Protein backbone atom coordinates (compact mmCIF):
# COMPACT_ATOMS: atom_id res chain seq x y z
CA MET A 1 -0.04 0.31 0.33
CA THR A 2 1.62 3.66 -0.56
CA GLY A 3 -0.15 6.87 0.76
CA LYS A 4 -2.05 9.06 0.13
CA ASN A 5 0.50 11.88 -0.98
CA ALA A 6 2.71 8.96 -2.97
CA ARG A 7 3.03 9.26 -6.53
CA GLN A 8 4.87 7.66 -9.92
CA ASN A 9 7.91 9.72 -11.01
CA ALA A 10 9.78 8.58 -14.20
CA PHE A 11 12.87 8.18 -15.28
CA LEU A 12 15.67 7.03 -17.62
CA ARG A 13 18.21 3.99 -16.81
CA LEU A 14 21.11 3.78 -19.06
CA VAL A 15 21.97 -0.15 -19.40
CA SER A 16 25.18 -1.79 -20.55
CA GLY A 17 23.98 -4.39 -23.11
CA LYS A 18 20.79 -4.85 -25.42
CA GLU A 19 20.32 -7.98 -23.24
CA LEU A 20 22.62 -7.72 -20.20
CA GLU A 21 20.99 -5.16 -17.73
CA THR A 22 23.65 -4.19 -16.22
CA VAL A 23 22.67 -0.28 -14.55
CA CYS A 24 25.38 2.05 -15.67
CA GLN A 25 22.79 5.08 -14.35
CA GLY A 26 19.87 6.23 -13.56
CA TYR A 27 18.17 9.68 -14.61
CA SER A 28 14.92 11.28 -13.09
CA LEU A 29 12.42 13.55 -15.06
CA ILE A 30 10.84 16.14 -13.72
CA PRO A 31 7.11 16.85 -15.02
CA THR A 32 7.88 20.26 -15.90
CA SER A 33 10.42 19.96 -18.19
CA GLU A 34 12.16 17.96 -21.05
CA ALA A 35 15.05 16.22 -20.86
CA VAL A 36 17.08 16.23 -24.34
CA ILE A 37 19.43 13.00 -24.90
CA GLY A 38 23.07 13.29 -25.87
CA ARG A 39 27.00 14.24 -25.63
CA ASP A 40 26.67 17.80 -25.24
CA PRO A 41 26.93 19.01 -21.86
CA HIS A 42 24.04 21.10 -21.74
CA CYS A 43 21.85 18.48 -22.06
CA GLN A 44 20.20 16.54 -19.47
CA VAL A 45 21.10 13.51 -20.07
CA VAL A 46 24.08 13.44 -20.80
CA LEU A 47 26.46 10.31 -22.67
CA ASP A 48 30.00 9.82 -23.30
CA ALA A 49 31.86 11.50 -25.67
CA LEU A 50 34.05 8.82 -25.97
CA GLN A 51 32.22 6.31 -25.54
CA TYR A 52 29.11 6.49 -27.06
CA ARG A 53 30.39 8.25 -30.53
CA MET A 54 26.93 7.22 -32.33
CA VAL A 55 25.33 9.39 -30.44
CA SER A 56 24.52 12.73 -31.53
CA ARG A 57 25.27 16.06 -28.93
CA ARG A 58 22.02 16.23 -29.20
CA HIS A 59 19.84 12.83 -30.57
CA ALA A 60 16.78 12.80 -28.92
CA VAL A 61 14.42 14.26 -26.36
CA VAL A 62 11.67 12.65 -23.72
CA ARG A 63 9.29 15.09 -23.62
CA PRO A 64 6.09 15.00 -20.74
CA LEU A 65 2.26 15.47 -21.41
CA ASN A 66 -0.65 15.51 -19.52
CA LEU A 67 -2.57 13.33 -21.23
CA SER A 68 -5.59 11.58 -18.77
CA PRO A 69 -8.39 13.18 -16.39
CA ASP A 70 -6.57 12.91 -13.33
CA GLY A 71 -3.31 15.23 -14.31
CA GLU A 72 -0.98 12.03 -14.20
CA ILE A 73 1.77 12.50 -17.05
CA SER A 74 2.41 10.82 -19.98
CA TRP A 75 5.63 10.85 -21.53
CA ILE A 76 7.15 11.00 -25.80
CA LEU A 77 10.13 10.36 -27.37
CA CYS A 78 11.02 12.42 -30.65
CA ASP A 79 14.32 12.28 -32.76
CA LEU A 80 15.84 15.48 -32.90
CA ASN A 81 17.12 14.91 -36.69
CA SER A 82 20.06 12.93 -35.06
CA ALA A 83 22.75 11.45 -37.21
CA ASN A 84 22.11 7.38 -36.88
CA GLY A 85 18.69 7.96 -35.95
CA THR A 86 16.54 6.87 -32.62
CA TYR A 87 15.36 3.42 -31.60
CA LEU A 88 11.99 2.62 -29.40
CA ASN A 89 11.59 -0.74 -29.42
CA GLY A 90 13.74 -1.92 -31.97
CA LYS A 91 11.94 0.12 -34.53
CA ARG A 92 13.54 3.63 -35.97
CA LEU A 93 11.93 6.85 -34.51
CA GLN A 94 9.84 8.01 -37.23
CA GLU A 95 7.53 10.75 -35.82
CA CYS A 96 7.38 11.55 -32.03
CA GLN A 97 5.56 8.09 -30.25
CA GLN A 98 4.25 7.84 -26.80
CA ILE A 99 6.90 5.85 -24.53
CA PHE A 100 5.77 3.44 -22.01
CA PRO A 101 7.43 1.50 -18.56
CA GLY A 102 9.57 -1.14 -19.87
CA ASP A 103 10.01 0.65 -23.39
CA ARG A 104 14.26 0.57 -24.63
CA ILE A 105 15.24 3.73 -26.04
CA THR A 106 18.09 2.83 -28.52
CA LEU A 107 20.70 5.74 -29.74
CA GLY A 108 21.73 4.45 -32.87
CA TYR A 109 21.26 1.33 -34.37
CA ASP A 110 23.74 -0.67 -32.16
CA GLY A 111 23.92 2.47 -29.60
CA PRO A 112 23.57 2.73 -25.49
CA GLN A 113 20.00 1.85 -24.53
CA LEU A 114 18.02 3.51 -22.09
CA VAL A 115 14.77 1.55 -20.62
CA PHE A 116 11.94 4.25 -19.35
CA GLY A 117 10.36 3.14 -15.80
CA ARG A 118 7.74 4.25 -12.92
CA GLU A 119 8.87 4.42 -9.54
CA ILE A 120 6.29 5.04 -6.67
CA VAL A 121 7.55 7.72 -4.35
CA GLU A 122 6.23 8.35 -0.97
CA GLN A 123 7.02 12.07 -0.46
CA LYS A 124 7.40 14.68 -2.80
CA THR A 125 10.64 15.30 -4.22
CA THR A 126 12.56 18.61 -6.05
CA ILE A 127 14.32 16.81 -8.63
CA SER A 128 15.81 18.67 -11.75
CA ALA A 129 15.64 16.91 -15.05
CA GLY A 130 18.67 14.87 -15.90
CA THR A 131 19.78 14.72 -12.34
CA PRO A 132 21.46 11.39 -11.10
CA MET A 133 19.45 9.06 -9.41
CA HIS A 134 23.03 7.21 -8.05
CA SER A 135 25.90 7.47 -9.40
CA THR A 136 29.46 4.78 -9.30
CA SER A 137 32.43 5.38 -9.95
CA ASN A 138 31.76 2.64 -13.12
CA SER A 139 29.74 4.79 -14.24
CA PRO A 140 30.81 6.64 -17.62
CA ASN A 141 29.53 10.30 -16.26
CA TYR A 142 31.43 10.19 -12.95
CA SER A 143 33.52 12.43 -12.60
CA LYS A 144 34.21 15.04 -9.02
CA PRO A 145 33.33 18.90 -9.20
CA ASP A 146 36.97 19.52 -9.76
CA SER A 147 38.33 16.76 -11.53
CA VAL A 148 38.98 17.26 -15.40
CA SER A 149 38.74 13.66 -18.26
CA PHE A 150 40.49 12.67 -20.66
CA THR A 151 38.44 13.71 -23.39
CA GLN A 152 38.45 17.49 -21.61
CA LEU A 153 42.36 17.96 -21.94
CA PHE A 154 42.64 16.21 -25.60
CA PRO A 155 39.10 16.99 -27.57
CA ILE A 156 39.55 15.61 -30.77
CA ILE A 157 40.05 12.65 -29.02
CA SER A 158 36.02 12.71 -28.63
CA THR A 159 34.98 14.98 -31.02
CA GLY A 160 34.77 12.15 -33.86
CA LYS A 161 32.12 12.47 -37.42
CA ASP A 162 31.17 15.65 -35.59
CA LEU A 163 34.49 17.44 -36.60
CA THR A 164 33.88 16.38 -40.67
CA ARG A 165 29.75 17.28 -39.91
CA LYS A 166 30.26 20.29 -38.17
CA ALA A 167 33.78 21.76 -37.56
CA TYR A 168 33.48 22.65 -41.88
CA LEU A 169 37.02 20.52 -41.70
CA ILE A 170 36.75 19.48 -45.33
CA PRO A 171 37.10 23.52 -46.43
CA GLY A 172 39.74 24.07 -43.39
CA ILE A 173 41.82 21.07 -45.41
CA LEU A 174 40.75 22.36 -48.29
CA THR A 175 42.35 26.08 -48.29
CA VAL A 176 45.61 24.62 -47.03
CA ILE A 177 46.45 22.93 -49.52
CA PHE A 178 45.19 25.59 -51.82
CA VAL A 179 47.76 28.42 -49.58
CA VAL A 180 50.49 25.71 -50.11
CA LEU A 181 49.65 25.88 -53.64
CA MET A 182 49.44 28.98 -54.11
CA PHE A 183 53.20 29.55 -52.15
CA ALA A 184 54.05 26.97 -55.01
CA THR A 185 52.94 28.75 -58.06
CA VAL A 186 54.77 32.47 -56.98
CA GLY A 187 57.04 33.56 -59.59
CA ARG A 188 54.44 32.10 -61.95
CA PRO A 189 51.40 34.25 -62.86
CA GLN A 190 49.47 32.14 -65.38
CA ALA A 191 50.38 28.75 -62.72
CA ASN A 192 48.89 30.82 -59.82
CA GLN A 193 45.39 32.68 -61.11
CA ILE A 194 44.04 29.74 -61.71
CA ILE A 195 45.14 28.41 -58.25
CA VAL A 196 43.15 31.65 -56.61
CA ALA A 197 40.56 31.51 -59.72
CA VAL A 198 39.58 27.96 -58.31
CA TYR A 199 39.41 28.29 -54.79
CA ILE A 200 37.69 31.57 -54.90
CA ALA A 201 35.00 29.65 -57.05
CA PHE A 202 34.84 26.64 -54.63
CA ALA A 203 34.37 29.53 -51.56
CA ALA A 204 31.74 31.27 -52.88
CA TYR A 205 29.94 28.47 -54.54
CA TYR A 206 30.42 26.44 -50.69
CA PHE A 207 28.52 29.97 -49.92
CA ILE A 208 25.40 28.90 -51.95
CA TYR A 209 25.70 25.16 -50.53
CA GLN A 210 25.14 25.46 -47.26
CA LEU A 211 22.56 27.98 -48.34
CA CYS A 212 20.76 25.37 -50.06
CA GLY A 213 21.41 22.54 -47.35
CA LYS A 214 20.60 19.58 -49.43
CA HIS A 215 23.38 16.92 -49.77
CA LYS A 216 24.13 16.62 -53.04
CA PRO A 217 27.55 14.09 -54.42
CA TRP A 218 31.14 16.59 -54.83
CA TRP A 219 31.25 14.25 -57.70
CA VAL A 220 28.07 15.11 -59.31
CA LEU A 221 28.80 18.85 -58.61
CA LEU A 222 32.16 19.10 -59.78
CA GLY A 223 31.19 16.42 -63.24
CA VAL A 224 28.33 19.34 -63.74
CA ALA A 225 31.35 22.53 -63.69
CA LEU A 226 33.16 20.19 -66.37
CA SER A 227 30.68 20.05 -68.39
CA THR A 228 30.26 23.56 -68.90
CA THR A 229 34.07 24.11 -70.16
CA LEU A 230 33.43 21.04 -72.50
CA ILE A 231 30.55 22.49 -74.30
CA LEU A 232 32.35 26.26 -74.55
CA LEU A 233 35.83 24.35 -75.68
CA SER A 234 33.60 23.01 -78.33
CA PRO A 235 31.53 23.31 -81.58
CA ILE A 236 28.54 23.67 -80.07
CA LEU A 237 29.47 26.88 -78.86
CA ASP A 238 30.10 27.95 -82.13
CA LEU A 239 26.13 26.87 -83.15
CA PHE A 240 24.68 28.54 -80.01
CA ILE A 241 26.40 32.11 -81.33
CA PHE A 242 25.61 31.15 -85.27
CA ILE A 243 22.20 31.38 -84.33
CA PHE A 244 21.87 33.81 -81.84
CA ARG A 245 23.50 36.51 -82.79
CA GLU A 246 23.78 35.76 -86.28
CA ILE A 247 20.05 34.60 -87.23
CA LEU A 248 18.13 36.06 -83.86
CA PRO A 249 19.37 39.95 -83.68
CA GLY A 250 22.15 39.58 -80.79
CA SER A 251 24.86 40.84 -82.26
CA LEU A 252 27.54 42.86 -80.19
CA PRO A 253 28.42 45.64 -80.92
CA SER A 254 31.78 47.00 -82.22
CA GLY A 255 33.04 49.53 -80.75
CA GLN A 256 32.57 52.12 -82.63
CA GLU A 257 28.99 51.27 -83.55
CA SER A 258 26.86 54.26 -81.44
CA ILE A 259 23.41 52.08 -79.90
CA THR A 260 21.21 53.26 -77.51
CA PHE A 261 20.56 51.45 -74.37
CA THR A 262 16.86 49.72 -75.38
CA GLU A 263 18.26 48.48 -78.53
CA TRP A 264 21.80 47.57 -76.46
CA LEU A 265 19.90 46.07 -73.94
CA VAL A 266 17.39 43.77 -76.73
CA ARG A 267 21.32 42.49 -78.21
CA MET A 268 22.29 41.55 -75.18
CA PHE A 269 18.45 39.24 -74.18
CA PHE A 270 19.59 37.19 -77.22
CA GLY A 271 22.95 37.19 -78.03
CA ALA A 272 24.55 36.85 -74.10
CA GLY A 273 20.75 36.25 -71.50
CA LEU A 274 19.52 33.23 -74.07
CA MET A 275 22.34 32.03 -75.00
CA GLU A 276 24.13 31.92 -72.32
CA GLU A 277 21.61 30.26 -69.98
CA LEU A 278 20.60 27.58 -72.26
CA LEU A 279 24.23 27.09 -72.65
CA LYS A 280 24.83 26.22 -68.97
CA ALA A 281 21.81 24.56 -68.50
CA LEU A 282 22.27 21.71 -70.86
CA PRO A 283 24.86 20.01 -68.14
CA VAL A 284 21.60 20.27 -65.58
CA ILE A 285 19.56 19.21 -68.09
CA GLY A 286 21.74 15.89 -68.75
CA ILE A 287 21.72 15.37 -64.79
CA TYR A 288 18.38 14.36 -65.22
CA PHE A 289 18.32 11.89 -67.48
CA ILE A 290 20.74 10.84 -66.22
CA GLY A 291 18.77 10.76 -62.88
CA LEU A 292 15.88 8.60 -64.62
CA GLY A 293 17.52 6.01 -65.87
CA LEU A 294 19.23 4.80 -62.32
CA SER A 295 17.35 3.49 -59.77
CA SER A 296 16.32 4.48 -55.96
CA PRO A 297 18.58 6.24 -53.91
CA TRP A 298 20.64 7.04 -57.13
CA ARG A 299 18.43 8.24 -59.03
CA GLU A 300 17.23 11.39 -55.93
CA ARG A 301 21.36 11.73 -55.00
CA VAL A 302 22.11 12.12 -58.88
CA GLY A 303 19.12 13.84 -60.53
CA VAL A 304 16.98 16.97 -60.54
CA TRP A 305 13.68 15.88 -58.37
CA GLU A 306 13.56 18.78 -57.15
CA PRO A 307 13.80 22.30 -56.81
CA LEU A 308 17.37 22.60 -54.55
CA ASP A 309 18.56 20.11 -57.00
CA GLY A 310 18.13 22.51 -59.77
CA ILE A 311 20.05 25.06 -57.80
CA LEU A 312 22.64 23.18 -56.37
CA LEU A 313 23.62 22.12 -60.26
CA GLY A 314 22.81 24.92 -62.13
CA ALA A 315 25.05 27.24 -59.81
CA ALA A 316 28.43 24.45 -59.89
CA SER A 317 27.78 25.39 -63.84
CA ALA A 318 28.34 28.54 -63.77
CA VAL A 319 31.36 27.65 -61.94
CA GLY A 320 32.63 26.05 -64.63
CA PHE A 321 31.38 28.51 -66.93
CA THR A 322 32.72 31.70 -65.25
CA LEU A 323 36.13 30.14 -64.53
CA LEU A 324 36.61 29.34 -68.49
CA GLU A 325 35.09 32.83 -69.04
CA THR A 326 37.39 34.48 -66.82
CA LEU A 327 40.63 32.98 -67.62
CA GLY A 328 40.84 32.32 -71.38
CA GLN A 329 39.66 35.61 -71.90
CA TYR A 330 38.73 38.50 -69.94
CA VAL A 331 42.20 38.56 -67.77
CA PRO A 332 44.37 37.52 -70.73
CA GLU A 333 42.41 40.03 -72.94
CA VAL A 334 43.46 42.54 -70.40
CA THR A 335 46.52 41.36 -68.83
CA GLN A 336 47.72 41.55 -72.84
CA ALA A 337 46.52 45.34 -72.67
CA ALA A 338 48.05 46.33 -70.03
CA ALA A 339 51.29 44.86 -70.53
CA ILE A 340 51.68 46.88 -73.89
CA GLN A 341 50.49 49.57 -72.44
CA ALA A 342 53.05 49.55 -68.64
CA GLY A 343 54.27 46.11 -68.75
CA THR A 344 54.42 43.29 -67.96
CA GLU A 345 53.93 42.97 -63.79
CA THR A 346 52.01 45.68 -64.02
CA GLY A 347 49.72 43.84 -66.96
CA GLN A 348 49.89 40.36 -64.92
CA LEU A 349 48.46 43.07 -62.05
CA VAL A 350 45.48 43.95 -63.47
CA GLY A 351 44.79 40.70 -64.37
CA LEU A 352 44.67 39.46 -61.15
CA GLN A 353 42.95 42.37 -59.78
CA LEU A 354 39.73 41.22 -62.69
CA LEU A 355 39.87 37.72 -61.74
CA ILE A 356 39.02 38.26 -57.62
CA PRO A 357 35.93 40.59 -58.60
CA ARG A 358 34.78 38.70 -61.46
CA ILE A 359 35.06 35.24 -59.60
CA LEU A 360 33.91 36.62 -56.66
CA GLY A 361 31.33 38.36 -58.39
CA SER A 362 29.54 34.80 -59.41
CA VAL A 363 27.33 34.68 -56.64
CA ALA A 364 25.71 37.81 -57.98
CA GLY A 365 26.49 37.26 -61.85
CA HIS A 366 26.53 33.74 -63.51
CA MET A 367 25.41 31.88 -60.32
CA ALA A 368 23.10 33.80 -59.24
CA TYR A 369 21.09 33.74 -62.71
CA SER A 370 22.04 29.90 -63.33
CA GLY A 371 21.13 29.39 -59.63
CA TYR A 372 18.16 30.54 -60.58
CA LEU A 373 16.61 29.34 -63.65
CA GLY A 374 17.84 26.05 -61.94
CA TYR A 375 14.89 26.34 -59.64
CA PHE A 376 12.78 26.09 -62.34
CA ILE A 377 13.58 23.15 -63.69
CA GLY A 378 13.52 21.79 -60.49
CA LEU A 379 10.49 23.36 -59.85
CA ALA A 380 9.13 22.02 -63.09
CA VAL A 381 10.50 18.59 -62.83
CA LEU A 382 8.34 18.62 -59.31
CA LYS A 383 5.49 20.22 -60.95
CA PRO A 384 5.45 17.59 -64.08
CA LYS A 385 1.92 19.56 -65.43
CA LEU A 386 2.47 22.51 -65.75
CA GLY A 387 6.24 21.87 -66.29
CA GLY A 388 6.58 24.19 -69.86
CA GLN A 389 4.71 27.24 -68.26
CA ILE A 390 7.03 26.96 -65.72
CA LEU A 391 10.79 26.12 -67.28
CA LEU A 392 9.67 29.23 -70.08
CA VAL A 393 8.93 32.02 -67.41
CA GLY A 394 12.74 30.57 -65.43
CA TYR A 395 14.35 30.50 -68.94
CA LEU A 396 13.17 34.32 -70.29
CA SER A 397 13.51 35.74 -66.63
CA ALA A 398 16.64 34.61 -65.87
CA SER A 399 18.18 35.87 -68.84
CA ALA A 400 16.52 39.22 -68.71
CA LEU A 401 18.78 40.07 -65.43
CA HIS A 402 21.33 38.64 -67.31
CA ALA A 403 21.16 40.73 -70.05
CA LEU A 404 20.11 43.92 -68.00
CA TRP A 405 23.00 43.58 -65.69
CA ASN A 406 25.47 43.45 -69.30
CA ALA A 407 23.53 45.95 -70.77
CA THR A 408 23.88 48.16 -66.98
CA GLY A 409 27.31 47.98 -67.03
CA ALA A 410 27.99 49.54 -70.07
CA ILE A 411 25.98 52.60 -68.14
CA SER A 412 27.89 53.52 -64.75
CA GLY A 413 28.66 51.88 -61.45
CA LEU A 414 25.80 53.02 -59.33
CA PHE A 415 23.37 50.78 -61.72
CA LEU A 416 25.21 47.60 -62.03
CA VAL A 417 25.40 47.65 -57.88
CA ILE A 418 21.22 47.80 -57.98
CA VAL A 419 20.91 44.80 -60.55
CA GLY A 420 23.74 42.99 -59.16
CA VAL A 421 22.42 42.92 -55.69
CA LEU A 422 19.15 42.77 -57.31
CA SER A 423 20.45 39.58 -59.03
CA TYR A 424 21.09 38.11 -55.26
CA ALA A 425 17.39 38.44 -53.74
CA PHE A 426 16.13 36.61 -57.00
CA LEU A 427 19.01 33.75 -55.52
CA MET A 428 18.48 34.05 -52.50
CA ALA A 429 14.62 34.36 -52.87
CA ALA A 430 14.72 31.43 -54.73
CA ILE A 431 16.37 29.26 -51.98
CA LEU A 432 14.20 29.72 -49.51
CA LYS A 433 11.37 29.21 -51.77
CA ALA A 434 13.01 25.91 -52.31
CA ARG A 435 13.89 25.00 -49.11
CA ALA A 436 10.52 25.32 -48.30
CA LEU A 437 8.93 23.08 -51.33
CA SER A 438 11.37 20.28 -50.96
CA PRO A 439 9.95 17.05 -50.44
CA ASN A 440 13.27 16.26 -47.87
CA ARG A 441 13.06 19.37 -45.72
CA GLU A 442 13.44 17.50 -42.22
CA GLN A 443 16.69 15.98 -43.57
CA ASN A 444 18.01 18.89 -44.83
CA PHE A 445 20.95 19.92 -43.27
CA ALA A 446 19.67 24.26 -43.61
CA THR A 447 16.51 23.18 -42.74
CA ARG A 448 17.70 21.50 -39.45
CA PHE A 449 20.67 24.20 -39.04
CA PHE A 450 17.96 27.77 -38.90
CA GLU A 451 15.28 26.05 -37.41
CA ASN A 452 17.60 25.06 -34.15
CA LYS A 453 17.95 28.65 -33.87
């Protein structure tokens, strides 16, 4: 028998194995607050980072829920978008689910297990969420207040996969490699320009990639950029020039020709906007058809199945276009002209000064136009019944932005800033809308990052 003041307190008990229920640690749960489980020291249920590397920093949460008329507290379990998933009684948790005494919570497929239970308490006590019910020196989290653990002294040992997933380790490694290559090519201007241009292009694209927040294989993105480069070096470019600049009114004016802004805008619309945006879209369309021939899950990973795919691939195509156009045309022409007037060293300096803004500015230039068109390509795939109309709107609007940039460049720098900001805003708006439309929105890392802020 229990007294009239008796109540059931809920708790989680960490066990050392799937079959042996040797107690390692118990955690009482308070009915008025949730208990987050993970490796982060700020969690209410903290698991040792060195012993349980499969556990995310914030892996899962147990929340109180008052469902019964008599006020008895029930509890629900939710996964916090953990890397390895949360399992309830052997089944992976897809949505939040109510838990009952005896239920087993497994963090990761073969990770540590916590058993949910209740105990009858005769008197009222104040219990904090995540406060250990009892601790022993054998517990993985047992430590004296003034002690320092081995993983605290050597944090690199316990971070595990977090270094690659959360600490931007790969971009850091690539930065170090490019810095070494820049030092190695000092005195060789052309090689140094290529290294600098590739690094800036990588950094600019990485910015777009992080904003999109969807994983896409790096070899697919690199393949799209290289495909665009090969198209520019092939007879396809000559065919495009003939169609858009000879047949259609897209011929570029000569230096002595005087034309109005409207005439310049029309020529840029056909000769630069329509021509170049279609050219950069060809690899994206090709990846779409390649994806159709693949089986799941490669079909979704490689192909174009939503607007985010289109943006990522369109921007990657723009990287290839910008690099070849800058390194193969603009920089050599400016370098040669400046060298004739002021000497070789001055020419090389002027070439480098042109290279940096052209590559970095592609975020509001070629990447903005092609990424924006890529959004419409992905949207057309998502809504096939209106695909034709969607593609037409995207193609014309991306080409118009491109033409406006080229045309205003001949007027003043102020108008160029306005158009650049406008193009960047169009791309950012497309990314935000694409994240909202994504069928896999909950799995995209940008969604998790911004919603947890």
